[in-house]
Amino acid sequence: MARALLVVDVQNDFTEGGALSVAGGAALAERITALLGRHADEYDLIVGSRDWHHGDDDNGGHFAGAAGPDFVDTWPVHCVGGTAGAEYHPALDTSVVDVHVFKGQGRPDYSAFQAVTEDGTALPDLLAERRVTTVDIVGIATDHCVRASALDAREAGLDVAVYEDLVAGVDPDRSAAALDDIRAAGGHVDRSDMDEGLANPGGAVL
């Protein structure tokens, strides 16, 4: 029985200055790096997911048209594959990430469980191959891709924990509701130990 860490969409376009930024995204990247520095060797597999949208179509209606985004089902153009906005935030240490998966390639995907590796292996198949039974989840955004990934992980029969201090959401109320949804599905909502030994929690690791 193996344990995996899933780092969801810690990308430039979802952090400050990006096309669809979430407040606290840059600080979150630093905190996840601190987590990896302390605990990477406790995981059998570390997976990083990224939105990797097409730049020449609306990705199945995911990108808003002339009417503009409603920020529920349609969004501004973001995380187009191969652009700077789709890259991981520079404060995120990806050197210990074992596998990178890509989602939203022409489709309105939210869950990392819809993502595939460069060679086309779906994340659920990868986790099954590695005999993963437990998944810890961190990343962006609590009320969208983190929620969808955690619920799909539960649907797949995995033991799931979301670290509430290592996620960032678009809307506070929807983010709180998302964590409630994860609990209702049998997932765990925990806190990491990242505040221990940090003189400036949420900022740079000292």
C-alpha atoms as a PDB file:
ATOM      1  CA  MET A   1       0.000   0.000   0.000  1.00  0.00           C
ATOM      2  CA  ALA A   2       1.566   3.241  -1.191  1.00  0.00           C
ATOM      3  CA  ARG A   3       1.023   6.888  -0.325  1.00  0.00           C
ATOM      4  CA  ALA A   4       1.030   9.719  -2.856  1.00  0.00           C
ATOM      5  CA  LEU A   5       1.081  13.503  -2.702  1.00  0.00           C
ATOM      6  CA  LEU A   6      -0.899  15.347  -5.381  1.00  0.00           C
ATOM      7  CA  VAL A   7       0.115  18.974  -5.961  1.00  0.00           C
ATOM      8  CA  VAL A   8      -2.747  20.570  -7.889  1.00  0.00           C
ATOM      9  CA  ASP A   9      -2.213  23.413 -10.366  1.00  0.00           C
ATOM     10  CA  VAL A  10       0.338  25.628  -8.598  1.00  0.00           C
ATOM     11  CA  GLN A  11       0.803  27.598 -11.806  1.00  0.00           C
ATOM     12  CA  ASN A  12       1.688  31.157 -12.703  1.00  0.00           C
ATOM     13  CA  ASP A  13      -1.748  31.975 -14.083  1.00  0.00           C
ATOM     14  CA  PHE A  14      -3.372  30.931 -10.787  1.00  0.00           C
ATOM     15  CA  THR A  15      -1.057  33.047  -8.634  1.00  0.00           C
ATOM     16  CA  GLU A  16      -0.662  36.785  -8.203  1.00  0.00           C
ATOM     17  CA  GLY A  17      -0.208  38.554 -11.530  1.00  0.00           C
ATOM     18  CA  GLY A  18      -1.650  35.656 -13.502  1.00  0.00           C
ATOM     19  CA  ALA A  19      -4.670  35.568 -15.778  1.00  0.00           C
ATOM     20  CA  LEU A  20      -6.858  33.926 -13.136  1.00  0.00           C
ATOM     21  CA  SER A  21      -5.025  34.659  -9.915  1.00  0.00           C
ATOM     22  CA  VAL A  22      -5.924  33.375  -6.458  1.00  0.00           C
ATOM     23  CA  ALA A  23      -4.962  35.496  -3.452  1.00  0.00           C
ATOM     24  CA  GLY A  24      -2.126  33.892  -1.530  1.00  0.00           C
ATOM     25  CA  GLY A  25      -1.037  31.705  -4.418  1.00  0.00           C
ATOM     26  CA  ALA A  26       2.632  32.709  -4.322  1.00  0.00           C
ATOM     27  CA  ALA A  27       2.864  32.190  -0.562  1.00  0.00           C
ATOM     28  CA  LEU A  28       1.158  28.828  -1.012  1.00  0.00           C
ATOM     29  CA  ALA A  29       3.854  27.772  -3.475  1.00  0.00           C
ATOM     30  CA  GLU A  30       6.471  28.559  -0.819  1.00  0.00           C
ATOM     31  CA  ARG A  31       4.582  26.621   1.849  1.00  0.00           C
ATOM     32  CA  ILE A  32       4.230  23.571  -0.379  1.00  0.00           C
ATOM     33  CA  THR A  33       7.955  23.739  -1.066  1.00  0.00           C
ATOM     34  CA  ALA A  34       8.493  23.750   2.712  1.00  0.00           C
ATOM     35  CA  LEU A  35       6.259  20.684   2.989  1.00  0.00           C
ATOM     36  CA  LEU A  36       8.274  18.928   0.321  1.00  0.00           C
ATOM     37  CA  GLY A  37      11.499  19.840   2.081  1.00  0.00           C
ATOM     38  CA  ARG A  38      10.297  18.188   5.276  1.00  0.00           C
ATOM     39  CA  HIS A  39       8.230  15.287   4.017  1.00  0.00           C
ATOM     40  CA  ALA A  40       8.990  14.366   0.389  1.00  0.00           C
ATOM     41  CA  ASP A  41      10.730  11.157   1.433  1.00  0.00           C
ATOM     42  CA  GLU A  42       7.581  10.004   3.223  1.00  0.00           C
ATOM     43  CA  TYR A  43       5.723   9.651  -0.082  1.00  0.00           C
ATOM     44  CA  ASP A  44       6.044   6.774  -2.509  1.00  0.00           C
ATOM     45  CA  LEU A  45       4.912   9.024  -5.354  1.00  0.00           C
ATOM     46  CA  ILE A  46       4.655  12.796  -5.829  1.00  0.00           C
ATOM     47  CA  VAL A  47       2.477  14.011  -8.696  1.00  0.00           C
ATOM     48  CA  GLY A  48       2.161  17.548 -10.026  1.00  0.00           C
ATOM     49  CA  SER A  49      -0.901  18.444 -12.093  1.00  0.00           C
ATOM     50  CA  ARG A  50      -1.309  21.394 -14.438  1.00  0.00           C
ATOM     51  CA  ASP A  51      -4.018  22.900 -16.562  1.00  0.00           C
ATOM     52  CA  TRP A  52      -2.643  22.668 -20.083  1.00  0.00           C
ATOM     53  CA  HIS A  53      -5.267  24.215 -22.318  1.00  0.00           C
ATOM     54  CA  HIS A  54      -5.321  24.641 -26.076  1.00  0.00           C
ATOM     55  CA  GLY A  55      -4.613  28.149 -27.269  1.00  0.00           C
ATOM     56  CA  ASP A  56      -6.559  27.957 -30.525  1.00  0.00           C
ATOM     57  CA  ASP A  57     -10.043  26.927 -29.341  1.00  0.00           C
ATOM     58  CA  ASP A  58     -12.371  27.434 -26.388  1.00  0.00           C
ATOM     59  CA  ASN A  59     -11.454  24.092 -24.784  1.00  0.00           C
ATOM     60  CA  GLY A  60     -14.959  22.717 -24.902  1.00  0.00           C
ATOM     61  CA  GLY A  61     -16.556  25.953 -23.718  1.00  0.00           C
ATOM     62  CA  HIS A  62     -14.145  26.394 -20.810  1.00  0.00           C
ATOM     63  CA  PHE A  63     -12.812  29.679 -22.166  1.00  0.00           C
ATOM     64  CA  ALA A  64     -15.430  32.445 -22.264  1.00  0.00           C
ATOM     65  CA  GLY A  65     -16.605  33.847 -25.553  1.00  0.00           C
ATOM     66  CA  ALA A  66     -17.841  37.321 -26.391  1.00  0.00           C
ATOM     67  CA  ALA A  67     -20.276  37.334 -23.452  1.00  0.00           C
ATOM     68  CA  GLY A  68     -17.371  37.207 -21.049  1.00  0.00           C
ATOM     69  CA  PRO A  69     -16.634  34.768 -18.215  1.00  0.00           C
ATOM     70  CA  ASP A  70     -19.154  33.893 -15.534  1.00  0.00           C
ATOM     71  CA  PHE A  71     -16.369  32.545 -13.259  1.00  0.00           C
ATOM     72  CA  VAL A  72     -18.442  29.427 -12.600  1.00  0.00           C
ATOM     73  CA  ASP A  73     -18.343  27.484 -15.864  1.00  0.00           C
ATOM     74  CA  THR A  74     -16.533  29.882 -18.189  1.00  0.00           C
ATOM     75  CA  TRP A  75     -13.213  31.587 -17.576  1.00  0.00           C
ATOM     76  CA  PRO A  76     -10.702  34.026 -19.048  1.00  0.00           C
ATOM     77  CA  VAL A  77      -8.004  32.467 -21.198  1.00  0.00           C
ATOM     78  CA  HIS A  78      -5.471  30.864 -18.854  1.00  0.00           C
ATOM     79  CA  CYS A  79      -2.815  28.159 -18.626  1.00  0.00           C
ATOM     80  CA  VAL A  80      -2.363  27.695 -22.364  1.00  0.00           C
ATOM     81  CA  GLY A  81       0.093  24.850 -22.822  1.00  0.00           C
ATOM     82  CA  GLY A  82       3.632  25.978 -23.550  1.00  0.00           C
ATOM     83  CA  THR A  83       3.130  29.519 -22.246  1.00  0.00           C
ATOM     84  CA  ALA A  84       4.631  31.087 -19.135  1.00  0.00           C
ATOM     85  CA  GLY A  85       1.213  31.176 -17.476  1.00  0.00           C
ATOM     86  CA  ALA A  86       0.970  27.389 -17.619  1.00  0.00           C
ATOM     87  CA  GLU A  87       4.334  26.830 -15.944  1.00  0.00           C
ATOM     88  CA  TYR A  88       4.650  26.007 -12.269  1.00  0.00           C
ATOM     89  CA  HIS A  89       5.125  28.988  -9.981  1.00  0.00           C
ATOM     90  CA  PRO A  90       8.879  29.527  -9.556  1.00  0.00           C
ATOM     91  CA  ALA A  91       8.627  29.229  -5.756  1.00  0.00           C
ATOM     92  CA  LEU A  92       7.399  25.641  -6.088  1.00  0.00           C
ATOM     93  CA  ASP A  93      10.253  23.134  -5.901  1.00  0.00           C
ATOM     94  CA  THR A  94       9.459  20.594  -8.620  1.00  0.00           C
ATOM     95  CA  SER A  95      12.743  18.714  -8.321  1.00  0.00           C
ATOM     96  CA  VAL A  96      11.101  16.059  -6.151  1.00  0.00           C
ATOM     97  CA  VAL A  97       7.986  15.678  -8.333  1.00  0.00           C
ATOM     98  CA  ASP A  98       8.062  12.170  -9.787  1.00  0.00           C
ATOM     99  CA  VAL A  99       5.327  12.506 -12.410  1.00  0.00           C
ATOM    100  CA  HIS A 100       3.719  15.471 -14.164  1.00  0.00           C
ATOM    101  CA  VAL A 101       0.172  15.226 -15.494  1.00  0.00           C
ATOM    102  CA  PHE A 102      -1.748  17.558 -17.780  1.00  0.00           C
ATOM    103  CA  LYS A 103      -5.478  18.274 -17.958  1.00  0.00           C
ATOM    104  CA  GLY A 104      -7.906  20.439 -19.881  1.00  0.00           C
ATOM    105  CA  GLN A 105      -6.350  19.738 -23.259  1.00  0.00           C
ATOM    106  CA  GLY A 106      -9.352  20.819 -25.289  1.00  0.00           C
ATOM    107  CA  ARG A 107     -11.836  19.928 -22.533  1.00  0.00           C
ATOM    108  CA  PRO A 108     -13.268  21.720 -19.477  1.00  0.00           C
ATOM    109  CA  ASP A 109     -11.462  19.485 -16.980  1.00  0.00           C
ATOM    110  CA  TYR A 110     -11.129  20.362 -13.311  1.00  0.00           C
ATOM    111  CA  SER A 111     -10.047  17.151 -11.625  1.00  0.00           C
ATOM    112  CA  ALA A 112      -6.471  15.925 -11.780  1.00  0.00           C
ATOM    113  CA  PHE A 113      -8.041  12.481 -12.186  1.00  0.00           C
ATOM    114  CA  GLN A 114      -8.896  13.602 -15.728  1.00  0.00           C
ATOM    115  CA  ALA A 115      -5.229  14.329 -16.397  1.00  0.00           C
ATOM    116  CA  VAL A 116      -2.679  12.276 -18.290  1.00  0.00           C
ATOM    117  CA  THR A 117       1.090  11.996 -18.382  1.00  0.00           C
ATOM    118  CA  GLU A 118       3.119  13.008 -21.434  1.00  0.00           C
ATOM    119  CA  ASP A 119       2.834   9.443 -22.717  1.00  0.00           C
ATOM    120  CA  GLY A 120      -0.939   9.412 -22.265  1.00  0.00           C
ATOM    121  CA  THR A 121      -1.232   7.402 -19.039  1.00  0.00           C
ATOM    122  CA  ALA A 122      -4.274   8.512 -17.055  1.00  0.00           C
ATOM    123  CA  LEU A 123      -3.657   9.466 -13.441  1.00  0.00           C
ATOM    124  CA  PRO A 124      -6.049   6.800 -12.031  1.00  0.00           C
ATOM    125  CA  ASP A 125      -4.167   4.127 -13.982  1.00  0.00           C
ATOM    126  CA  LEU A 126      -0.822   5.455 -12.782  1.00  0.00           C
ATOM    127  CA  LEU A 127      -1.945   5.356  -9.147  1.00  0.00           C
ATOM    128  CA  ALA A 128      -3.273   1.829  -9.590  1.00  0.00           C
ATOM    129  CA  GLU A 129       0.010   0.705 -11.146  1.00  0.00           C
ATOM    130  CA  ARG A 130       1.910   2.124  -8.170  1.00  0.00           C
ATOM    131  CA  ARG A 131      -0.587   0.521  -5.747  1.00  0.00           C
ATOM    132  CA  VAL A 132      -1.440   3.871  -4.205  1.00  0.00           C
ATOM    133  CA  THR A 133      -4.170   3.661  -1.583  1.00  0.00           C
ATOM    134  CA  THR A 134      -3.727   7.031   0.150  1.00  0.00           C
ATOM    135  CA  VAL A 135      -3.526  10.469  -1.486  1.00  0.00           C
ATOM    136  CA  ASP A 136      -2.713  13.761   0.240  1.00  0.00           C
ATOM    137  CA  ILE A 137      -3.793  16.816  -1.756  1.00  0.00           C
ATOM    138  CA  VAL A 138      -2.516  20.400  -1.760  1.00  0.00           C
ATOM    139  CA  GLY A 139      -2.769  23.236  -4.280  1.00  0.00           C
ATOM    140  CA  ILE A 140      -5.121  25.532  -6.166  1.00  0.00           C
ATOM    141  CA  ALA A 141      -8.047  26.176  -6.179  1.00  0.00           C
ATOM    142  CA  THR A 142      -9.860  24.796  -3.147  1.00  0.00           C
ATOM    143  CA  ASP A 143     -13.315  25.407  -4.587  1.00  0.00           C
ATOM    144  CA  HIS A 144     -12.589  24.063  -8.055  1.00  0.00           C
ATOM    145  CA  CYS A 145      -9.726  21.749  -8.991  1.00  0.00           C
ATOM    146  CA  VAL A 146      -8.761  20.685  -5.450  1.00  0.00           C
ATOM    147  CA  ARG A 147     -12.389  19.851  -4.681  1.00  0.00           C
ATOM    148  CA  ALA A 148     -12.901  17.943  -7.934  1.00  0.00           C
ATOM    149  CA  SER A 149      -9.645  16.009  -7.511  1.00  0.00           C
ATOM    150  CA  ALA A 150     -10.422  15.037  -3.917  1.00  0.00           C
ATOM    151  CA  LEU A 151     -13.949  13.876  -4.764  1.00  0.00           C
ATOM    152  CA  ASP A 152     -12.694  11.819  -7.711  1.00  0.00           C
ATOM    153  CA  ALA A 153     -10.034  10.282  -5.488  1.00  0.00           C
ATOM    154  CA  ARG A 154     -12.739   9.247  -3.028  1.00  0.00           C
ATOM    155  CA  GLU A 155     -14.855   7.899  -5.907  1.00  0.00           C
ATOM    156  CA  ALA A 156     -11.847   5.782  -6.869  1.00  0.00           C
ATOM    157  CA  GLY A 157     -11.815   4.294  -3.376  1.00  0.00           C
ATOM    158  CA  LEU A 158      -8.705   6.079  -2.149  1.00  0.00           C
ATOM    159  CA  ASP A 159      -8.125   7.408   1.347  1.00  0.00           C
ATOM    160  CA  VAL A 160      -7.897  11.176   0.874  1.00  0.00           C
ATOM    161  CA  ALA A 161      -6.562  14.007   3.020  1.00  0.00           C
ATOM    162  CA  VAL A 162      -6.646  17.672   1.998  1.00  0.00           C
ATOM    163  CA  TYR A 163      -4.392  20.005   3.973  1.00  0.00           C
ATOM    164  CA  GLU A 164      -6.552  23.089   4.527  1.00  0.00           C
ATOM    165  CA  ASP A 165      -3.522  25.294   5.225  1.00  0.00           C
ATOM    166  CA  LEU A 166      -1.915  24.231   1.932  1.00  0.00           C
ATOM    167  CA  VAL A 167      -4.754  25.086  -0.423  1.00  0.00           C
ATOM    168  CA  ALA A 168      -6.012  28.429  -1.716  1.00  0.00           C
ATOM    169  CA  GLY A 169      -9.460  29.152  -3.102  1.00  0.00           C
ATOM    170  CA  VAL A 170     -11.189  31.653  -5.344  1.00  0.00           C
ATOM    171  CA  ASP A 171     -14.151  32.335  -3.057  1.00  0.00           C
ATOM    172  CA  PRO A 172     -14.024  31.870   0.745  1.00  0.00           C
ATOM    173  CA  ASP A 173     -17.598  30.635   1.112  1.00  0.00           C
ATOM    174  CA  ARG A 174     -17.353  28.221  -1.801  1.00  0.00           C
ATOM    175  CA  SER A 175     -13.977  27.032  -0.515  1.00  0.00           C
ATOM    176  CA  ALA A 176     -15.435  26.268   2.917  1.00  0.00           C
ATOM    177  CA  ALA A 177     -18.313  24.439   1.216  1.00  0.00           C
ATOM    178  CA  ALA A 178     -15.806  22.478  -0.876  1.00  0.00           C
ATOM    179  CA  LEU A 179     -14.039  21.236   2.245  1.00  0.00           C
ATOM    180  CA  ASP A 180     -17.425  20.236   3.660  1.00  0.00           C
ATOM    181  CA  ASP A 181     -18.139  18.304   0.450  1.00  0.00           C
ATOM    182  CA  ILE A 182     -14.832  16.465   0.825  1.00  0.00           C
ATOM    183  CA  ARG A 183     -15.634  15.555   4.418  1.00  0.00           C
ATOM    184  CA  ALA A 184     -19.120  14.388   3.399  1.00  0.00           C
ATOM    185  CA  ALA A 185     -17.537  12.103   0.790  1.00  0.00           C
ATOM    186  CA  GLY A 186     -15.402  10.478   3.479  1.00  0.00           C
ATOM    187  CA  GLY A 187     -12.251  12.492   2.922  1.00  0.00           C
ATOM    188  CA  HIS A 188     -10.151  14.031   5.667  1.00  0.00           C
ATOM    189  CA  VAL A 189      -9.471  17.744   6.028  1.00  0.00           C
ATOM    190  CA  ASP A 190      -6.320  18.173   8.084  1.00  0.00           C
ATOM    191  CA  ARG A 191      -3.620  20.728   8.809  1.00  0.00           C
ATOM    192  CA  SER A 192       0.032  20.276   8.003  1.00  0.00           C
ATOM    193  CA  ASP A 193       2.909  21.021  10.354  1.00  0.00           C
ATOM    194  CA  MET A 194       4.155  23.898   8.187  1.00  0.00           C
ATOM    195  CA  ASP A 195       3.458  26.553  10.808  1.00  0.00           C
ATOM    196  CA  GLU A 196       5.842  24.861  13.220  1.00  0.00           C
ATOM    197  CA  GLY A 197       9.170  26.649  13.131  1.00  0.00           C
ATOM    198  CA  LEU A 198       7.958  29.368  10.775  1.00  0.00           C
ATOM    199  CA  ALA A 199       8.418  32.889  12.103  1.00  0.00           C
ATOM    200  CA  ASN A 200       6.252  34.194   9.273  1.00  0.00           C
ATOM    201  CA  PRO A 201       3.526  31.631   8.494  1.00  0.00           C
ATOM    202  CA  GLY A 202       2.255  31.981   4.955  1.00  0.00           C
ATOM    203  CA  GLY A 203       5.382  33.798   3.836  1.00  0.00           C
ATOM    204  CA  ALA A 204       8.970  32.858   3.201  1.00  0.00           C
ATOM    205  CA  VAL A 205      10.405  29.933   5.081  1.00  0.00           C
ATOM    206  CA  LEU A 206      12.924  31.240   7.574  1.00  0.00           C
END
